[in-house]
PDB file of N, CA and C in Angstrom:
ATOM      1  N   UNK A   1       0.848  -1.171   0.000  1.00  0.00           N
ATOM      2  CA  UNK A   1       0.000   0.000   0.000  1.00  0.00           C
ATOM      3  C   UNK A   1       0.898   1.240   0.000  1.00  0.00           C
ATOM      4  N   UNK A   2       0.604   2.227  -0.848  1.00  0.00           N
ATOM      5  CA  UNK A   2       1.388   3.467  -0.856  1.00  0.00           C
ATOM      6  C   UNK A   2       1.269   4.204   0.478  1.00  0.00           C
ATOM      7  N   UNK A   3       2.357   4.869   0.857  1.00  0.00           N
ATOM      8  CA  UNK A   3       2.374   5.656   2.089  1.00  0.00           C
ATOM      9  C   UNK A   3       2.898   7.044   1.741  1.00  0.00           C
ATOM     10  N   UNK A   4       2.187   8.095   2.176  1.00  0.00           N
ATOM     11  CA  UNK A   4       2.604   9.481   1.979  1.00  0.00           C
ATOM     12  C   UNK A   4       2.719  10.122   3.348  1.00  0.00           C
ATOM     13  N   UNK A   5       3.899  10.664   3.638  1.00  0.00           N
ATOM     14  CA  UNK A   5       4.154  11.308   4.918  1.00  0.00           C
ATOM     15  C   UNK A   5       4.384  12.793   4.688  1.00  0.00           C
ATOM     16  N   UNK A   6       3.619  13.626   5.389  1.00  0.00           N
ATOM     17  CA  UNK A   6       3.783  15.079   5.317  1.00  0.00           C
ATOM     18  C   UNK A   6       4.848  15.464   6.341  1.00  0.00           C
ATOM     19  N   UNK A   7       5.998  15.946   5.863  1.00  0.00           N
ATOM     20  CA  UNK A   7       7.080  16.340   6.764  1.00  0.00           C
ATOM     21  C   UNK A   7       6.860  17.763   7.250  1.00  0.00           C
ATOM     22  N   UNK A   8       7.029  17.988   8.555  1.00  0.00           N
ATOM     23  CA  UNK A   8       6.940  19.347   9.092  1.00  0.00           C
ATOM     24  C   UNK A   8       7.927  20.242   8.348  1.00  0.00           C
ATOM     25  N   UNK A   9       7.431  21.345   7.825  1.00  0.00           N
ATOM     26  CA  UNK A   9       8.257  22.346   7.143  1.00  0.00           C
ATOM     27  C   UNK A   9       9.080  21.761   5.996  1.00  0.00           C
ATOM     28  N   UNK A  10       8.588  20.698   5.393  1.00  0.00           N
ATOM     29  CA  UNK A  10       9.336  20.034   4.336  1.00  0.00           C
ATOM     30  C   UNK A  10       8.449  19.386   3.300  1.00  0.00           C
ATOM     31  N   UNK A  11       8.999  18.418   2.594  1.00  0.00           N
ATOM     32  CA  UNK A  11       8.313  17.805   1.458  1.00  0.00           C
ATOM     33  C   UNK A  11       7.282  16.754   1.851  1.00  0.00           C
ATOM     34  N   UNK A  12       6.624  16.228   0.828  1.00  0.00           N
ATOM     35  CA  UNK A  12       5.781  15.051   0.960  1.00  0.00           C
ATOM     36  C   UNK A  12       6.671  13.856   0.620  1.00  0.00           C
ATOM     37  N   UNK A  13       6.770  12.900   1.526  1.00  0.00           N
ATOM     38  CA  UNK A  13       7.549  11.702   1.262  1.00  0.00           C
ATOM     39  C   UNK A  13       6.604  10.604   0.805  1.00  0.00           C
ATOM     40  N   UNK A  14       6.856  10.069  -0.383  1.00  0.00           N
ATOM     41  CA  UNK A  14       5.999   9.040  -0.965  1.00  0.00           C
ATOM     42  C   UNK A  14       6.786   7.739  -1.020  1.00  0.00           C
ATOM     43  N   UNK A  15       6.198   6.684  -0.459  1.00  0.00           N
ATOM     44  CA  UNK A  15       6.810   5.367  -0.462  1.00  0.00           C
ATOM     45  C   UNK A  15       5.831   4.381  -1.083  1.00  0.00           C
ATOM     46  N   UNK A  16       6.267   3.716  -2.161  1.00  0.00           N
ATOM     47  CA  UNK A  16       5.416   2.730  -2.813  1.00  0.00           C
ATOM     48  C   UNK A  16       6.260   1.898  -3.773  1.00  0.00           C
ATOM     49  N   UNK A  17       6.025   0.618  -3.809  1.00  0.00           N
ATOM     50  CA  UNK A  17       6.686  -0.239  -4.792  1.00  0.00           C
ATOM     51  C   UNK A  17       6.084   0.044  -6.167  1.00  0.00           C
ATOM     52  N   UNK A  18       6.899   0.089  -7.185  1.00  0.00           N
ATOM     53  CA  UNK A  18       6.402   0.334  -8.538  1.00  0.00           C
ATOM     54  C   UNK A  18       5.852   1.728  -8.720  1.00  0.00           C
ATOM     55  N   UNK A  19       6.425   2.709  -8.034  1.00  0.00           N
ATOM     56  CA  UNK A  19       5.939   4.081  -8.043  1.00  0.00           C
ATOM     57  C   UNK A  19       5.994   4.678  -9.449  1.00  0.00           C
ATOM     58  N   UNK A  20       4.884   5.248  -9.888  1.00  0.00           N
ATOM     59  CA  UNK A  20       4.797   5.959 -11.163  1.00  0.00           C
ATOM     60  C   UNK A  20       4.257   7.350 -10.867  1.00  0.00           C
ATOM     61  N   UNK A  21       4.968   8.377 -11.332  1.00  0.00           N
ATOM     62  CA  UNK A  21       4.560   9.766 -11.117  1.00  0.00           C
ATOM     63  C   UNK A  21       4.248  10.371 -12.471  1.00  0.00           C
ATOM     64  N   UNK A  22       3.000  10.830 -12.655  1.00  0.00           N
ATOM     65  CA  UNK A  22       2.550  11.368 -13.937  1.00  0.00           C
ATOM     66  C   UNK A  22       2.257  12.862 -13.835  1.00  0.00           C
ATOM     67  N   UNK A  23       2.472  13.569 -14.949  1.00  0.00           N
ATOM     68  CA  UNK A  23       2.092  14.978 -15.012  1.00  0.00           C
ATOM     69  C   UNK A  23       0.641  15.088 -15.468  1.00  0.00           C
ATOM     70  N   UNK A  24       0.122  16.293 -15.587  1.00  0.00           N
ATOM     71  CA  UNK A  24      -1.286  16.514 -15.932  1.00  0.00           C
ATOM     72  C   UNK A  24      -1.649  15.984 -17.318  1.00  0.00           C
ATOM     73  N   UNK A  25      -0.657  15.845 -18.194  1.00  0.00           N
ATOM     74  CA  UNK A  25      -0.910  15.341 -19.552  1.00  0.00           C
ATOM     75  C   UNK A  25      -0.721  13.839 -19.662  1.00  0.00           C
ATOM     76  N   UNK A  26      -0.344  13.186 -18.575  1.00  0.00           N
ATOM     77  CA  UNK A  26      -0.151  11.739 -18.589  1.00  0.00           C
ATOM     78  C   UNK A  26       1.289  11.314 -18.807  1.00  0.00           C
ATOM     79  N   UNK A  27       2.192  12.283 -19.009  1.00  0.00           N
ATOM     80  CA  UNK A  27       3.613  11.955 -19.143  1.00  0.00           C
ATOM     81  C   UNK A  27       4.155  11.481 -17.810  1.00  0.00           C
ATOM     82  N   UNK A  28       5.216  10.703 -17.844  1.00  0.00           N
ATOM     83  CA  UNK A  28       5.778  10.183 -16.603  1.00  0.00           C
ATOM     84  C   UNK A  28       7.130  10.806 -16.289  1.00  0.00           C
ATOM     85  N   UNK A  29       7.364  10.998 -15.010  1.00  0.00           N
ATOM     86  CA  UNK A  29       8.650  11.462 -14.509  1.00  0.00           C
ATOM     87  C   UNK A  29       9.491  10.230 -14.193  1.00  0.00           C
ATOM     88  N   UNK A  30      10.775  10.338 -14.369  1.00  0.00           N
ATOM     89  CA  UNK A  30      11.682   9.259 -14.014  1.00  0.00           C
ATOM     90  C   UNK A  30      11.796   9.182 -12.494  1.00  0.00           C
ATOM     91  N   UNK A  31      11.486   8.025 -11.931  1.00  0.00           N
ATOM     92  CA  UNK A  31      11.551   7.818 -10.490  1.00  0.00           C
ATOM     93  C   UNK A  31      12.451   6.620 -10.238  1.00  0.00           C
ATOM     94  N   UNK A  32      13.493   6.832  -9.448  1.00  0.00           N
ATOM     95  CA  UNK A  32      14.411   5.749  -9.084  1.00  0.00           C
ATOM     96  C   UNK A  32      13.989   5.173  -7.743  1.00  0.00           C
ATOM     97  N   UNK A  33      13.841   3.883  -7.654  1.00  0.00           N
ATOM     98  CA  UNK A  33      13.505   3.241  -6.387  1.00  0.00           C
ATOM     99  C   UNK A  33      12.046   3.379  -6.017  1.00  0.00           C
ATOM    100  N   UNK A  34      11.776   3.170  -4.737  1.00  0.00           N
ATOM    101  CA  UNK A  34      10.385   3.162  -4.270  1.00  0.00           C
ATOM    102  C   UNK A  34      10.078   4.321  -3.328  1.00  0.00           C
ATOM    103  N   UNK A  35      10.985   5.301  -3.229  1.00  0.00           N
ATOM    104  CA  UNK A  35      10.775   6.469  -2.367  1.00  0.00           C
ATOM    105  C   UNK A  35      11.052   7.734  -3.155  1.00  0.00           C
ATOM    106  N   UNK A  36      10.239   8.757  -2.923  1.00  0.00           N
ATOM    107  CA  UNK A  36      10.461  10.047  -3.573  1.00  0.00           C
ATOM    108  C   UNK A  36       9.970  11.152  -2.642  1.00  0.00           C
ATOM    109  N   UNK A  37      10.669  12.296  -2.680  1.00  0.00           N
ATOM    110  CA  UNK A  37      10.262  13.465  -1.907  1.00  0.00           C
ATOM    111  C   UNK A  37       9.716  14.497  -2.883  1.00  0.00           C
ATOM    112  N   UNK A  38       8.479  14.917  -2.678  1.00  0.00           N
ATOM    113  CA  UNK A  38       7.829  15.881  -3.561  1.00  0.00           C
ATOM    114  C   UNK A  38       7.769  17.258  -2.896  1.00  0.00           C
ATOM    115  N   UNK A  39       8.115  18.288  -3.672  1.00  0.00           N
ATOM    116  CA  UNK A  39       8.129  19.666  -3.187  1.00  0.00           C
ATOM    117  C   UNK A  39       6.719  20.123  -2.838  1.00  0.00           C
ATOM    118  N   UNK A  40       6.593  20.842  -1.718  1.00  0.00           N
ATOM    119  CA  UNK A  40       5.334  21.516  -1.433  1.00  0.00           C
ATOM    120  C   UNK A  40       5.544  22.977  -1.078  1.00  0.00           C
ATOM    121  N   UNK A  41       6.814  23.442  -1.105  1.00  0.00           N
ATOM    122  CA  UNK A  41       7.085  24.856  -0.809  1.00  0.00           C
ATOM    123  C   UNK A  41       7.018  25.717  -2.065  1.00  0.00           C
ATOM    124  N   UNK A  42       7.161  25.081  -3.245  1.00  0.00           N
ATOM    125  CA  UNK A  42       7.106  25.809  -4.507  1.00  0.00           C
ATOM    126  C   UNK A  42       8.434  26.389  -4.957  1.00  0.00           C
ATOM    127  N   UNK A  43       9.495  26.244  -4.168  1.00  0.00           N
ATOM    128  CA  UNK A  43      10.777  26.863  -4.495  1.00  0.00           C
ATOM    129  C   UNK A  43      11.795  25.908  -5.106  1.00  0.00           C
ATOM    130  N   UNK A  44      11.477  24.639  -5.216  1.00  0.00           N
ATOM    131  CA  UNK A  44      12.428  23.671  -5.749  1.00  0.00           C
ATOM    132  C   UNK A  44      12.756  23.962  -7.213  1.00  0.00           C
ATOM    133  N   UNK A  45      14.030  23.821  -7.557  1.00  0.00           N
ATOM    134  CA  UNK A  45      14.460  23.959  -8.951  1.00  0.00           C
ATOM    135  C   UNK A  45      14.234  22.660  -9.719  1.00  0.00           C
ATOM    136  N   UNK A  46      13.833  21.602  -9.016  1.00  0.00           N
ATOM    137  CA  UNK A  46      13.628  20.298  -9.651  1.00  0.00           C
ATOM    138  C   UNK A  46      12.186  19.817  -9.489  1.00  0.00           C
ATOM    139  N   UNK A  47      11.229  20.769  -9.440  1.00  0.00           N
ATOM    140  CA  UNK A  47       9.818  20.393  -9.261  1.00  0.00           C
ATOM    141  C   UNK A  47       9.429  19.317 -10.275  1.00  0.00           C
ATOM    142  N   UNK A  48       8.642  18.355  -9.881  1.00  0.00           N
ATOM    143  CA  UNK A  48       7.878  18.258  -8.648  1.00  0.00           C
ATOM    144  C   UNK A  48       8.682  17.682  -7.478  1.00  0.00           C
ATOM    145  N   UNK A  49       9.971  17.409  -7.703  1.00  0.00           N
ATOM    146  CA  UNK A  49      10.794  16.805  -6.664  1.00  0.00           C
ATOM    147  C   UNK A  49      11.371  17.861  -5.728  1.00  0.00           C
ATOM    148  N   UNK A  50      11.606  17.469  -4.500  1.00  0.00           N
ATOM    149  CA  UNK A  50      12.198  18.344  -3.499  1.00  0.00           C
ATOM    150  C   UNK A  50      13.708  18.407  -3.700  1.00  0.00           C
ATOM    151  N   UNK A  51      14.268  19.622  -3.608  1.00  0.00           N
ATOM    152  CA  UNK A  51      15.722  19.784  -3.670  1.00  0.00           C
ATOM    153  C   UNK A  51      16.271  20.438  -2.402  1.00  0.00           C
ATOM    154  N   UNK A  52      15.445  20.512  -1.353  1.00  0.00           N
ATOM    155  CA  UNK A  52      15.879  21.104  -0.091  1.00  0.00           C
ATOM    156  C   UNK A  52      15.664  22.597  -0.003  1.00  0.00           C
ATOM    157  N   UNK A  53      15.049  23.197  -1.015  1.00  0.00           N
ATOM    158  CA  UNK A  53      14.827  24.651  -1.030  1.00  0.00           C
ATOM    159  C   UNK A  53      13.998  25.116   0.163  1.00  0.00           C
ATOM    160  N   UNK A  54      13.138  24.258   0.693  1.00  0.00           N
ATOM    161  CA  UNK A  54      12.293  24.646   1.830  1.00  0.00           C
ATOM    162  C   UNK A  54      13.132  25.142   3.001  1.00  0.00           C
ATOM    163  N   UNK A  55      14.294  24.544   3.208  1.00  0.00           N
ATOM    164  CA  UNK A  55      15.181  24.969   4.284  1.00  0.00           C
ATOM    165  C   UNK A  55      15.815  26.326   4.013  1.00  0.00           C
ATOM    166  N   UNK A  56      16.166  26.565   2.750  1.00  0.00           N
ATOM    167  CA  UNK A  56      16.803  27.828   2.382  1.00  0.00           C
ATOM    168  C   UNK A  56      15.847  29.007   2.447  1.00  0.00           C
ATOM    169  N   UNK A  57      14.555  28.756   2.165  1.00  0.00           N
ATOM    170  CA  UNK A  57      13.594  29.869   2.139  1.00  0.00           C
ATOM    171  C   UNK A  57      12.806  30.011   3.435  1.00  0.00           C
ATOM    172  N   UNK A  58      13.015  29.094   4.379  1.00  0.00           N
ATOM    173  CA  UNK A  58      12.307  29.174   5.656  1.00  0.00           C
ATOM    174  C   UNK A  58      10.848  28.759   5.566  1.00  0.00           C
ATOM    175  N   UNK A  59      10.534  27.808   4.687  1.00  0.00           N
ATOM    176  CA  UNK A  59       9.162  27.314   4.529  1.00  0.00           C
ATOM    177  C   UNK A  59       8.626  26.809   5.866  1.00  0.00           C
ATOM    178  N   UNK A  60       7.414  27.216   6.208  1.00  0.00           N
ATOM    179  CA  UNK A  60       6.770  26.815   7.457  1.00  0.00           C
ATOM    180  C   UNK A  60       5.422  26.174   7.166  1.00  0.00           C
ATOM    181  N   UNK A  61       5.270  24.935   7.538  1.00  0.00           N
ATOM    182  CA  UNK A  61       3.989  24.242   7.431  1.00  0.00           C
ATOM    183  C   UNK A  61       4.095  22.960   8.242  1.00  0.00           C
ATOM    184  N   UNK A  62       3.444  22.902   9.351  1.00  0.00           N
ATOM    185  CA  UNK A  62       3.469  21.738  10.212  1.00  0.00           C
ATOM    186  C   UNK A  62       2.053  21.188  10.312  1.00  0.00           C
ATOM    187  N   UNK A  63       1.565  20.648   9.199  1.00  0.00           N
ATOM    188  CA  UNK A  63       0.217  20.108   9.153  1.00  0.00           C
ATOM    189  C   UNK A  63       0.114  18.821   9.945  1.00  0.00           C
ATOM    190  N   UNK A  64      -0.921  18.694  10.745  1.00  0.00           N
ATOM    191  CA  UNK A  64      -1.146  17.486  11.548  1.00  0.00           C
ATOM    192  C   UNK A  64      -2.477  16.871  11.170  1.00  0.00           C
ATOM    193  N   UNK A  65      -2.548  15.565  11.196  1.00  0.00           N
ATOM    194  CA  UNK A  65      -3.787  14.865  10.895  1.00  0.00           C
ATOM    195  C   UNK A  65      -4.873  15.261  11.890  1.00  0.00           C
ATOM    196  N   UNK A  66      -6.069  15.409  11.396  1.00  0.00           N
ATOM    197  CA  UNK A  66      -7.191  15.766  12.253  1.00  0.00           C
ATOM    198  C   UNK A  66      -7.265  17.253  12.586  1.00  0.00           C
ATOM    199  N   UNK A  67      -6.379  18.028  11.992  1.00  0.00           N
ATOM    200  CA  UNK A  67      -6.381  19.489  12.276  1.00  0.00           C
ATOM    201  C   UNK A  67      -7.173  20.237  11.243  1.00  0.00           C
TER     202      UNK A  67
END
């Protein structure tokens, strides 16, 4: 079963065997392995993937389940 973890002040971590990431037109992004970090701060130079920009820009978002 796929697992997505929302990191405090960071990316979305996606874990799934056979992971396929598609764009809005159905094209696929190259994904190595079964784990990927997806940008949610909007500042990554490698969108949709996280490049650590959230730390450089001071991104703040500590979303909790049930909130």
